[in-house]
C-alpha atoms as a PDB file:
ATOM      1  CA  UNK A   1     265.226 -38.974  59.597  1.00  0.00           C
ATOM      2  CA  UNK A   2     263.225 -35.951  59.013  1.00  0.00           C
ATOM      3  CA  UNK A   3     260.422 -34.580  56.719  1.00  0.00           C
ATOM      4  CA  UNK A   4     258.362 -31.469  55.927  1.00  0.00           C
ATOM      5  CA  UNK A   5     254.824 -31.583  56.574  1.00  0.00           C
ATOM      6  CA  UNK A   6     253.905 -28.547  53.832  1.00  0.00           C
ATOM      7  CA  UNK A   7     255.142 -26.467  51.062  1.00  0.00           C
ATOM      8  CA  UNK A   8     258.911 -25.989  51.440  1.00  0.00           C
ATOM      9  CA  UNK A   9     259.282 -23.043  49.224  1.00  0.00           C
ATOM     10  CA  UNK A  10     256.408 -20.670  49.288  1.00  0.00           C
ATOM     11  CA  UNK A  11     255.823 -17.479  47.334  1.00  0.00           C
ATOM     12  CA  UNK A  12     254.631 -14.430  48.843  1.00  0.00           C
ATOM     13  CA  UNK A  13     252.085 -15.311  51.547  1.00  0.00           C
ATOM     14  CA  UNK A  14     253.359 -16.504  54.963  1.00  0.00           C
ATOM     15  CA  UNK A  15     253.181 -20.166  55.660  1.00  0.00           C
ATOM     16  CA  UNK A  16     253.308 -22.320  58.819  1.00  0.00           C
ATOM     17  CA  UNK A  17     254.751 -25.721  58.014  1.00  0.00           C
ATOM     18  CA  UNK A  18     256.229 -27.989  60.417  1.00  0.00           C
ATOM     19  CA  UNK A  19     259.481 -29.773  60.112  1.00  0.00           C
ATOM     20  CA  UNK A  20     259.530 -33.272  61.589  1.00  0.00           C
ATOM     21  CA  UNK A  21     262.918 -34.049  63.106  1.00  0.00           C
ATOM     22  CA  UNK A  22     264.254 -37.066  64.864  1.00  0.00           C
ATOM     23  CA  UNK A  23     266.858 -36.829  67.446  1.00  0.00           C
ATOM     24  CA  UNK A  24     267.928 -40.043  69.376  1.00  0.00           C
ATOM     25  CA  UNK A  25     264.931 -41.840  68.346  1.00  0.00           C
ATOM     26  CA  UNK A  26     262.412 -39.159  69.433  1.00  0.00           C
ATOM     27  CA  UNK A  27     260.400 -37.305  66.772  1.00  0.00           C
ATOM     28  CA  UNK A  28     260.231 -33.347  67.411  1.00  0.00           C
ATOM     29  CA  UNK A  29     257.834 -31.010  65.657  1.00  0.00           C
ATOM     30  CA  UNK A  30     259.848 -27.819  64.785  1.00  0.00           C
ATOM     31  CA  UNK A  31     257.928 -24.610  64.037  1.00  0.00           C
ATOM     32  CA  UNK A  32     259.098 -22.375  61.240  1.00  0.00           C
ATOM     33  CA  UNK A  33     257.671 -20.158  58.763  1.00  0.00           C
ATOM     34  CA  UNK A  34     258.601 -18.416  55.396  1.00  0.00           C
ATOM     35  CA  UNK A  35     257.682 -15.413  53.482  1.00  0.00           C
ATOM     36  CA  UNK A  36     258.757 -13.451  50.443  1.00  0.00           C
ATOM     37  CA  UNK A  37     260.283 -14.586  47.090  1.00  0.00           C
ATOM     38  CA  UNK A  38     263.940 -14.579  46.063  1.00  0.00           C
ATOM     39  CA  UNK A  39     267.214 -15.666  47.380  1.00  0.00           C
ATOM     40  CA  UNK A  40     266.706 -17.592  50.464  1.00  0.00           C
ATOM     41  CA  UNK A  41     267.559 -16.266  53.849  1.00  0.00           C
ATOM     42  CA  UNK A  42     267.507 -18.141  57.148  1.00  0.00           C
ATOM     43  CA  UNK A  43     267.051 -16.188  60.152  1.00  0.00           C
ATOM     44  CA  UNK A  44     267.903 -17.951  63.422  1.00  0.00           C
ATOM     45  CA  UNK A  45     267.000 -16.260  67.105  1.00  0.00           C
ATOM     46  CA  UNK A  46     269.421 -16.108  69.933  1.00  0.00           C
ATOM     47  CA  UNK A  47     269.237 -18.743  72.405  1.00  0.00           C
ATOM     48  CA  UNK A  48     267.701 -17.441  75.794  1.00  0.00           C
ATOM     49  CA  UNK A  49     265.038 -18.454  78.310  1.00  0.00           C
ATOM     50  CA  UNK A  50     262.669 -16.587  75.865  1.00  0.00           C
ATOM     51  CA  UNK A  51     264.150 -17.566  72.539  1.00  0.00           C
ATOM     52  CA  UNK A  52     261.539 -17.561  69.788  1.00  0.00           C
ATOM     53  CA  UNK A  53     261.511 -16.909  65.826  1.00  0.00           C
ATOM     54  CA  UNK A  54     259.192 -14.068  66.645  1.00  0.00           C
ATOM     55  CA  UNK A  55     262.092 -11.845  67.897  1.00  0.00           C
ATOM     56  CA  UNK A  56     263.347 -11.855  64.249  1.00  0.00           C
ATOM     57  CA  UNK A  57     260.035 -10.587  63.012  1.00  0.00           C
ATOM     58  CA  UNK A  58     260.888  -7.122  62.480  1.00  0.00           C
ATOM     59  CA  UNK A  59     264.034  -7.940  60.288  1.00  0.00           C
ATOM     60  CA  UNK A  60     262.052 -10.769  58.406  1.00  0.00           C
ATOM     61  CA  UNK A  61     259.514  -7.993  57.554  1.00  0.00           C
ATOM     62  CA  UNK A  62     261.819  -5.778  55.969  1.00  0.00           C
ATOM     63  CA  UNK A  63     263.911  -8.343  53.975  1.00  0.00           C
ATOM     64  CA  UNK A  64     260.832 -10.372  52.796  1.00  0.00           C
ATOM     65  CA  UNK A  65     260.211  -7.835  49.889  1.00  0.00           C
ATOM     66  CA  UNK A  66     263.444  -8.760  48.325  1.00  0.00           C
ATOM     67  CA  UNK A  67     264.161 -12.205  49.573  1.00  0.00           C
ATOM     68  CA  UNK A  68     262.644 -15.519  50.711  1.00  0.00           C
ATOM     69  CA  UNK A  69     262.976 -15.366  54.400  1.00  0.00           C
ATOM     70  CA  UNK A  70     262.645 -18.214  56.695  1.00  0.00           C
ATOM     71  CA  UNK A  71     262.290 -18.127  60.546  1.00  0.00           C
ATOM     72  CA  UNK A  72     262.674 -21.071  62.880  1.00  0.00           C
ATOM     73  CA  UNK A  73     262.203 -22.047  66.532  1.00  0.00           C
ATOM     74  CA  UNK A  74     264.927 -24.195  67.880  1.00  0.00           C
ATOM     75  CA  UNK A  75     264.051 -27.380  69.263  1.00  0.00           C
ATOM     76  CA  UNK A  76     263.115 -26.795  73.085  1.00  0.00           C
ATOM     77  CA  UNK A  77     262.283 -23.196  72.496  1.00  0.00           C
ATOM     78  CA  UNK A  78     259.395 -20.962  70.794  1.00  0.00           C
ATOM     79  CA  UNK A  79     256.519 -22.988  69.352  1.00  0.00           C
ATOM     80  CA  UNK A  80     258.802 -26.166  68.859  1.00  0.00           C
ATOM     81  CA  UNK A  81     258.497 -29.388  70.930  1.00  0.00           C
ATOM     82  CA  UNK A  82     260.264 -29.149  74.207  1.00  0.00           C
ATOM     83  CA  UNK A  83     260.788 -32.745  75.419  1.00  0.00           C
ATOM     84  CA  UNK A  84     263.000 -33.878  78.338  1.00  0.00           C
ATOM     85  CA  UNK A  85     265.970 -34.258  76.357  1.00  0.00           C
ATOM     86  CA  UNK A  86     269.631 -33.459  76.714  1.00  0.00           C
ATOM     87  CA  UNK A  87     269.781 -30.157  75.045  1.00  0.00           C
ATOM     88  CA  UNK A  88     273.389 -29.798  74.297  1.00  0.00           C
ATOM     89  CA  UNK A  89     275.652 -28.397  71.313  1.00  0.00           C
ATOM     90  CA  UNK A  90     275.610 -31.690  69.323  1.00  0.00           C
ATOM     91  CA  UNK A  91     271.840 -31.704  69.074  1.00  0.00           C
ATOM     92  CA  UNK A  92     271.721 -28.074  67.519  1.00  0.00           C
ATOM     93  CA  UNK A  93     274.472 -28.590  65.141  1.00  0.00           C
ATOM     94  CA  UNK A  94     272.669 -31.615  63.881  1.00  0.00           C
ATOM     95  CA  UNK A  95     269.398 -29.885  63.797  1.00  0.00           C
ATOM     96  CA  UNK A  96     270.788 -26.960  61.764  1.00  0.00           C
ATOM     97  CA  UNK A  97     272.716 -29.180  59.347  1.00  0.00           C
ATOM     98  CA  UNK A  98     269.587 -31.345  58.680  1.00  0.00           C
ATOM     99  CA  UNK A  99     267.226 -28.477  58.651  1.00  0.00           C
ATOM    100  CA  UNK A 100     269.099 -26.753  55.754  1.00  0.00           C
ATOM    101  CA  UNK A 101     269.691 -30.052  54.040  1.00  0.00           C
ATOM    102  CA  UNK A 102     266.218 -30.776  53.831  1.00  0.00           C
ATOM    103  CA  UNK A 103     264.561 -27.437  53.077  1.00  0.00           C
ATOM    104  CA  UNK A 104     267.067 -25.879  50.656  1.00  0.00           C
ATOM    105  CA  UNK A 105     268.478 -27.254  47.366  1.00  0.00           C
ATOM    106  CA  UNK A 106     271.211 -24.555  47.159  1.00  0.00           C
ATOM    107  CA  UNK A 107     273.664 -22.662  49.418  1.00  0.00           C
ATOM    108  CA  UNK A 108     271.826 -20.096  51.581  1.00  0.00           C
ATOM    109  CA  UNK A 109     272.381 -16.613  53.531  1.00  0.00           C
ATOM    110  CA  UNK A 110     272.197 -17.151  57.250  1.00  0.00           C
ATOM    111  CA  UNK A 111     271.406 -14.311  59.541  1.00  0.00           C
ATOM    112  CA  UNK A 112     271.871 -15.575  63.156  1.00  0.00           C
ATOM    113  CA  UNK A 113     271.895 -13.780  66.580  1.00  0.00           C
ATOM    114  CA  UNK A 114     273.821 -14.460  69.811  1.00  0.00           C
ATOM    115  CA  UNK A 115     274.606 -18.059  70.301  1.00  0.00           C
ATOM    116  CA  UNK A 116     272.726 -18.904  66.996  1.00  0.00           C
ATOM    117  CA  UNK A 117     275.674 -17.128  65.458  1.00  0.00           C
ATOM    118  CA  UNK A 118     278.178 -19.501  66.827  1.00  0.00           C
ATOM    119  CA  UNK A 119     276.252 -22.646  65.369  1.00  0.00           C
ATOM    120  CA  UNK A 120     275.786 -20.867  61.925  1.00  0.00           C
ATOM    121  CA  UNK A 121     279.608 -20.226  62.057  1.00  0.00           C
ATOM    122  CA  UNK A 122     280.282 -23.832  62.839  1.00  0.00           C
ATOM    123  CA  UNK A 123     278.115 -25.022  60.170  1.00  0.00           C
ATOM    124  CA  UNK A 124     279.666 -22.627  57.530  1.00  0.00           C
ATOM    125  CA  UNK A 125     283.038 -23.932  58.486  1.00  0.00           C
ATOM    126  CA  UNK A 126     282.263 -27.582  58.502  1.00  0.00           C
ATOM    127  CA  UNK A 127     279.724 -27.654  55.625  1.00  0.00           C
ATOM    128  CA  UNK A 128     280.996 -24.673  53.352  1.00  0.00           C
ATOM    129  CA  UNK A 129     278.521 -25.777  50.354  1.00  0.00           C
ATOM    130  CA  UNK A 130     275.610 -24.897  52.480  1.00  0.00           C
ATOM    131  CA  UNK A 131     276.102 -21.356  53.235  1.00  0.00           C
ATOM    132  CA  UNK A 132     276.845 -18.511  50.743  1.00  0.00           C
ATOM    133  CA  UNK A 133     276.810 -15.540  53.027  1.00  0.00           C
ATOM    134  CA  UNK A 134     276.992 -15.153  56.956  1.00  0.00           C
ATOM    135  CA  UNK A 135     275.588 -12.337  59.004  1.00  0.00           C
ATOM    136  CA  UNK A 136     276.317 -12.602  62.621  1.00  0.00           C
ATOM    137  CA  UNK A 137     274.548 -10.262  64.952  1.00  0.00           C
ATOM    138  CA  UNK A 138     275.787  -9.658  68.544  1.00  0.00           C
ATOM    139  CA  UNK A 139     277.473 -13.236  68.060  1.00  0.00           C
ATOM    140  CA  UNK A 140     278.097 -14.877  71.485  1.00  0.00           C
ATOM    141  CA  UNK A 141     279.539 -18.348  72.444  1.00  0.00           C
ATOM    142  CA  UNK A 142     279.504 -18.479  76.156  1.00  0.00           C
ATOM    143  CA  UNK A 143     276.331 -18.663  78.262  1.00  0.00           C
ATOM    144  CA  UNK A 144     275.505 -16.270  81.231  1.00  0.00           C
ATOM    145  CA  UNK A 145     276.765 -18.557  84.211  1.00  0.00           C
ATOM    146  CA  UNK A 146     279.996 -19.723  82.503  1.00  0.00           C
ATOM    147  CA  UNK A 147     280.576 -15.752  81.680  1.00  0.00           C
ATOM    148  CA  UNK A 148     279.938 -14.973  85.255  1.00  0.00           C
ATOM    149  CA  UNK A 149     282.328 -17.796  86.473  1.00  0.00           C
ATOM    150  CA  UNK A 150     284.875 -16.958  83.905  1.00  0.00           C
ATOM    151  CA  UNK A 151     284.510 -20.411  82.027  1.00  0.00           C
ATOM    152  CA  UNK A 152     283.041 -23.812  82.253  1.00  0.00           C
ATOM    153  CA  UNK A 153     282.951 -25.209  85.763  1.00  0.00           C
ATOM    154  CA  UNK A 154     281.978 -28.725  86.979  1.00  0.00           C
ATOM    155  CA  UNK A 155     279.135 -27.222  89.243  1.00  0.00           C
ATOM    156  CA  UNK A 156     277.386 -25.812  86.311  1.00  0.00           C
ATOM    157  CA  UNK A 157     276.342 -29.418  85.060  1.00  0.00           C
ATOM    158  CA  UNK A 158     274.955 -30.001  88.863  1.00  0.00           C
ATOM    159  CA  UNK A 159     272.954 -26.802  88.635  1.00  0.00           C
ATOM    160  CA  UNK A 160     271.458 -27.634  85.086  1.00  0.00           C
ATOM    161  CA  UNK A 161     270.349 -30.999  86.419  1.00  0.00           C
ATOM    162  CA  UNK A 162     268.655 -29.634  89.371  1.00  0.00           C
ATOM    163  CA  UNK A 163     266.672 -27.084  87.226  1.00  0.00           C
ATOM    164  CA  UNK A 164     265.496 -30.545  85.327  1.00  0.00           C
ATOM    165  CA  UNK A 165     263.916 -32.061  88.601  1.00  0.00           C
ATOM    166  CA  UNK A 166     260.483 -32.404  88.692  1.00  0.00           C
ATOM    167  CA  UNK A 167     259.523 -30.019  92.031  1.00  0.00           C
ATOM    168  CA  UNK A 168     262.692 -28.328  93.254  1.00  0.00           C
ATOM    169  CA  UNK A 169     263.789 -27.639  89.647  1.00  0.00           C
ATOM    170  CA  UNK A 170     260.302 -26.271  88.838  1.00  0.00           C
ATOM    171  CA  UNK A 171     260.260 -23.967  91.799  1.00  0.00           C
ATOM    172  CA  UNK A 172     263.817 -22.708  90.854  1.00  0.00           C
ATOM    173  CA  UNK A 173     262.924 -21.944  87.208  1.00  0.00           C
ATOM    174  CA  UNK A 174     259.796 -20.149  88.203  1.00  0.00           C
ATOM    175  CA  UNK A 175     261.946 -17.582  90.446  1.00  0.00           C
ATOM    176  CA  UNK A 176     264.051 -16.739  87.505  1.00  0.00           C
ATOM    177  CA  UNK A 177     261.080 -16.401  85.110  1.00  0.00           C
ATOM    178  CA  UNK A 178     258.882 -13.875  87.149  1.00  0.00           C
ATOM    179  CA  UNK A 179     257.820 -10.692  85.182  1.00  0.00           C
ATOM    180  CA  UNK A 180     260.036  -8.646  87.416  1.00  0.00           C
ATOM    181  CA  UNK A 181     263.113 -10.873  86.744  1.00  0.00           C
ATOM    182  CA  UNK A 182     262.625 -11.049  83.037  1.00  0.00           C
ATOM    183  CA  UNK A 183     262.081  -7.082  83.169  1.00  0.00           C
ATOM    184  CA  UNK A 184     265.401  -6.725  85.014  1.00  0.00           C
ATOM    185  CA  UNK A 185     267.487  -9.089  82.619  1.00  0.00           C
ATOM    186  CA  UNK A 186     266.059  -7.352  79.538  1.00  0.00           C
ATOM    187  CA  UNK A 187     266.871  -3.884  81.022  1.00  0.00           C
ATOM    188  CA  UNK A 188     270.414  -5.252  81.889  1.00  0.00           C
ATOM    189  CA  UNK A 189     271.323  -7.026  78.745  1.00  0.00           C
ATOM    190  CA  UNK A 190     268.929  -7.333  76.068  1.00  0.00           C
ATOM    191  CA  UNK A 191     267.307  -3.923  75.276  1.00  0.00           C
ATOM    192  CA  UNK A 192     269.106  -0.739  75.237  1.00  0.00           C
ATOM    193  CA  UNK A 193     266.059   1.464  75.613  1.00  0.00           C
ATOM    194  CA  UNK A 194     264.132   0.387  78.556  1.00  0.00           C
ATOM    195  CA  UNK A 195     261.096   2.397  77.178  1.00  0.00           C
ATOM    196  CA  UNK A 196     260.674  -0.312  74.732  1.00  0.00           C
ATOM    197  CA  UNK A 197     259.702  -2.766  77.384  1.00  0.00           C
ATOM    198  CA  UNK A 198     256.214  -2.621  77.236  1.00  0.00           C
ATOM    199  CA  UNK A 199     253.895  -4.656  79.387  1.00  0.00           C
ATOM    200  CA  UNK A 200     252.472  -6.158  76.207  1.00  0.00           C
ATOM    201  CA  UNK A 201     256.109  -7.404  75.422  1.00  0.00           C
ATOM    202  CA  UNK A 202     256.990  -8.657  78.767  1.00  0.00           C
ATOM    203  CA  UNK A 203     253.917 -10.728  78.843  1.00  0.00           C
ATOM    204  CA  UNK A 204     254.752 -12.305  75.569  1.00  0.00           C
ATOM    205  CA  UNK A 205     258.005 -13.119  76.941  1.00  0.00           C
ATOM    206  CA  UNK A 206     256.739 -14.359  80.142  1.00  0.00           C
ATOM    207  CA  UNK A 207     254.200 -16.679  77.999  1.00  0.00           C
ATOM    208  CA  UNK A 208     257.158 -18.201  76.448  1.00  0.00           C
ATOM    209  CA  UNK A 209     258.586 -19.400  79.569  1.00  0.00           C
ATOM    210  CA  UNK A 210     255.559 -20.954  80.947  1.00  0.00           C
ATOM    211  CA  UNK A 211     255.207 -23.599  78.166  1.00  0.00           C
ATOM    212  CA  UNK A 212     255.683 -27.151  79.293  1.00  0.00           C
ATOM    213  CA  UNK A 213     258.936 -28.302  79.118  1.00  0.00           C
ATOM    214  CA  UNK A 214     260.395 -24.786  78.813  1.00  0.00           C
ATOM    215  CA  UNK A 215     262.836 -25.170  81.600  1.00  0.00           C
ATOM    216  CA  UNK A 216     264.915 -27.951  79.879  1.00  0.00           C
ATOM    217  CA  UNK A 217     266.372 -25.963  76.920  1.00  0.00           C
ATOM    218  CA  UNK A 218     266.553 -22.621  79.071  1.00  0.00           C
ATOM    219  CA  UNK A 219     268.670 -24.448  82.102  1.00  0.00           C
ATOM    220  CA  UNK A 220     270.997 -25.861  79.404  1.00  0.00           C
ATOM    221  CA  UNK A 221     271.414 -22.505  77.883  1.00  0.00           C
ATOM    222  CA  UNK A 222     271.889 -20.748  81.065  1.00  0.00           C
ATOM    223  CA  UNK A 223     274.539 -23.131  82.628  1.00  0.00           C
ATOM    224  CA  UNK A 224     276.619 -23.105  79.333  1.00  0.00           C
ATOM    225  CA  UNK A 225     275.382 -26.473  77.907  1.00  0.00           C
ATOM    226  CA  UNK A 226     274.499 -25.077  74.767  1.00  0.00           C
ATOM    227  CA  UNK A 227     277.853 -23.143  74.085  1.00  0.00           C
ATOM    228  CA  UNK A 228     278.721 -23.499  70.588  1.00  0.00           C
ATOM    229  CA  UNK A 229     282.469 -23.076  71.392  1.00  0.00           C
ATOM    230  CA  UNK A 230     284.611 -23.934  74.582  1.00  0.00           C
ATOM    231  CA  UNK A 231     286.797 -20.860  73.778  1.00  0.00           C
ATOM    232  CA  UNK A 232     287.340 -17.961  71.564  1.00  0.00           C
ATOM    233  CA  UNK A 233     290.277 -19.444  69.611  1.00  0.00           C
ATOM    234  CA  UNK A 234     287.820 -22.050  68.361  1.00  0.00           C
ATOM    235  CA  UNK A 235     285.530 -19.462  67.018  1.00  0.00           C
ATOM    236  CA  UNK A 236     288.332 -17.592  65.365  1.00  0.00           C
ATOM    237  CA  UNK A 237     289.739 -20.642  63.532  1.00  0.00           C
ATOM    238  CA  UNK A 238     286.477 -21.377  62.003  1.00  0.00           C
ATOM    239  CA  UNK A 239     285.966 -17.530  61.129  1.00  0.00           C
ATOM    240  CA  UNK A 240     289.449 -17.618  59.520  1.00  0.00           C
ATOM    241  CA  UNK A 241     288.843 -20.669  57.603  1.00  0.00           C
ATOM    242  CA  UNK A 242     285.845 -19.091  55.696  1.00  0.00           C
ATOM    243  CA  UNK A 243     285.831 -18.137  52.035  1.00  0.00           C
ATOM    244  CA  UNK A 244     282.471 -16.644  52.064  1.00  0.00           C
ATOM    245  CA  UNK A 245     281.428 -12.937  52.964  1.00  0.00           C
ATOM    246  CA  UNK A 246     280.921 -12.302  56.548  1.00  0.00           C
ATOM    247  CA  UNK A 247     279.335  -9.434  58.464  1.00  0.00           C
ATOM    248  CA  UNK A 248     279.504  -8.943  61.992  1.00  0.00           C
ATOM    249  CA  UNK A 249     277.049  -6.419  63.958  1.00  0.00           C
ATOM    250  CA  UNK A 250     278.007  -5.373  67.151  1.00  0.00           C
ATOM    251  CA  UNK A 251     275.755  -3.860  69.856  1.00  0.00           C
ATOM    252  CA  UNK A 252     277.260  -0.483  71.160  1.00  0.00           C
ATOM    253  CA  UNK A 253     275.795  -1.110  74.445  1.00  0.00           C
ATOM    254  CA  UNK A 254     276.726  -4.815  74.876  1.00  0.00           C
ATOM    255  CA  UNK A 255     278.233  -5.993  78.064  1.00  0.00           C
ATOM    256  CA  UNK A 256     281.877  -5.574  78.224  1.00  0.00           C
ATOM    257  CA  UNK A 257     282.929  -9.308  78.173  1.00  0.00           C
ATOM    258  CA  UNK A 258     280.428  -9.822  75.041  1.00  0.00           C
ATOM    259  CA  UNK A 259     281.746  -6.688  73.480  1.00  0.00           C
ATOM    260  CA  UNK A 260     285.295  -8.121  73.724  1.00  0.00           C
ATOM    261  CA  UNK A 261     284.239 -11.454  72.152  1.00  0.00           C
ATOM    262  CA  UNK A 262     282.512  -9.480  69.300  1.00  0.00           C
ATOM    263  CA  UNK A 263     285.155  -7.318  68.618  1.00  0.00           C
ATOM    264  CA  UNK A 264     287.676 -10.204  68.330  1.00  0.00           C
ATOM    265  CA  UNK A 265     285.603 -11.859  65.562  1.00  0.00           C
ATOM    266  CA  UNK A 266     285.179  -8.547  63.722  1.00  0.00           C
ATOM    267  CA  UNK A 267     289.159  -8.025  63.808  1.00  0.00           C
ATOM    268  CA  UNK A 268     289.546 -11.300  61.643  1.00  0.00           C
ATOM    269  CA  UNK A 269     290.843  -9.995  58.233  1.00  0.00           C
ATOM    270  CA  UNK A 270     288.257  -9.637  55.429  1.00  0.00           C
ATOM    271  CA  UNK A 271     285.201  -9.420  57.966  1.00  0.00           C
ATOM    272  CA  UNK A 272     282.853  -6.525  57.339  1.00  0.00           C
ATOM    273  CA  UNK A 273     281.773  -5.152  60.700  1.00  0.00           C
ATOM    274  CA  UNK A 274     279.330  -2.403  62.072  1.00  0.00           C
ATOM    275  CA  UNK A 275     278.939  -1.215  65.525  1.00  0.00           C
ATOM    276  CA  UNK A 276     275.174  -0.262  65.718  1.00  0.00           C
ATOM    277  CA  UNK A 277     272.704   0.836  68.629  1.00  0.00           C
ATOM    278  CA  UNK A 278     271.550  -1.801  70.903  1.00  0.00           C
ATOM    279  CA  UNK A 279     272.986  -4.688  73.067  1.00  0.00           C
ATOM    280  CA  UNK A 280     272.358  -8.448  72.985  1.00  0.00           C
ATOM    281  CA  UNK A 281     268.849  -8.094  71.665  1.00  0.00           C
ATOM    282  CA  UNK A 282     269.882  -5.778  68.780  1.00  0.00           C
ATOM    283  CA  UNK A 283     268.244  -7.862  66.127  1.00  0.00           C
ATOM    284  CA  UNK A 284     264.722  -7.337  67.909  1.00  0.00           C
ATOM    285  CA  UNK A 285     265.172  -3.687  69.033  1.00  0.00           C
ATOM    286  CA  UNK A 286     266.719  -2.260  66.169  1.00  0.00           C
ATOM    287  CA  UNK A 287     265.704  -4.235  62.846  1.00  0.00           C
ATOM    288  CA  UNK A 288     265.818  -1.214  60.928  1.00  0.00           C
ATOM    289  CA  UNK A 289     269.274  -0.162  61.643  1.00  0.00           C
ATOM    290  CA  UNK A 290     270.423  -3.695  61.114  1.00  0.00           C
ATOM    291  CA  UNK A 291     268.676  -3.765  57.639  1.00  0.00           C
ATOM    292  CA  UNK A 292     270.409  -0.724  56.518  1.00  0.00           C
ATOM    293  CA  UNK A 293     273.670  -2.495  56.937  1.00  0.00           C
ATOM    294  CA  UNK A 294     272.392  -5.966  55.909  1.00  0.00           C
ATOM    295  CA  UNK A 295     270.897  -5.258  52.479  1.00  0.00           C
ATOM    296  CA  UNK A 296     273.907  -3.350  50.913  1.00  0.00           C
ATOM    297  CA  UNK A 297     276.147  -6.111  52.092  1.00  0.00           C
ATOM    298  CA  UNK A 298     273.790  -9.071  50.613  1.00  0.00           C
ATOM    299  CA  UNK A 299     273.104  -7.185  47.465  1.00  0.00           C
ATOM    300  CA  UNK A 300     276.748  -6.466  46.980  1.00  0.00           C
ATOM    301  CA  UNK A 301     277.595 -10.231  46.940  1.00  0.00           C
ATOM    302  CA  UNK A 302     274.598 -11.193  44.557  1.00  0.00           C
ATOM    303  CA  UNK A 303     275.509 -12.835  41.374  1.00  0.00           C
END
């Protein structure tokens, strides 16, 4: 069961409604906002320790003059509720399907980054009447530790459960969310231009990690618990099944393993692809460059 506690389809001014969603008997308040007027677009941020709808704000600001643009925080991240749930792929697949069913009355465009691109692809393949166009920004399907371990390993679940424990788990989580560690990870995988990592930006990211319950969703992502696919073949099969227009954007500075996965998706016949500046956080770091390829793609498919 779910319901929306304020206007679903605003006109021009931004609104801050709350989507009430239930999972396994627990009610969660989900933060989202909508701006602009026109054909609806849903922007989905990448999953990460600092996942937030705000990372899509630059792209949303560019698109809102021509479209109705909604950004949303996933359960367990951003400004949404962060209870001690078992955050896993089934939760997010169901959340995305329910959110789109309850908020929209016709097929929409989804622009999704990172792991969220995998969930958007899954939805487009399994509920084809809900999505009209799909834009995948630096799409990924395997979390950081499974990537390092070259696949899902039994010990990853143990690490996830350890981080969820009250004392030791909190201590380990704090070690991986210090300002210096966040800056290191951003320089290594998220931003291509280290000069953009201002103290204000890093402070905002650090604040996201310190919210009550923040470690639960983060632990699940890092250990592969939120991976939308188990291997590349599943993602390729879903992409090949689509009949809607799809654009894949690849960050030219992305890590080699991630680049290989993005290029495999881009190689599917009839997929539009562009390689642009940036790495895994290209949607936040280079919104203008993305807008310049997304807008022609979307307008070319308008009725």
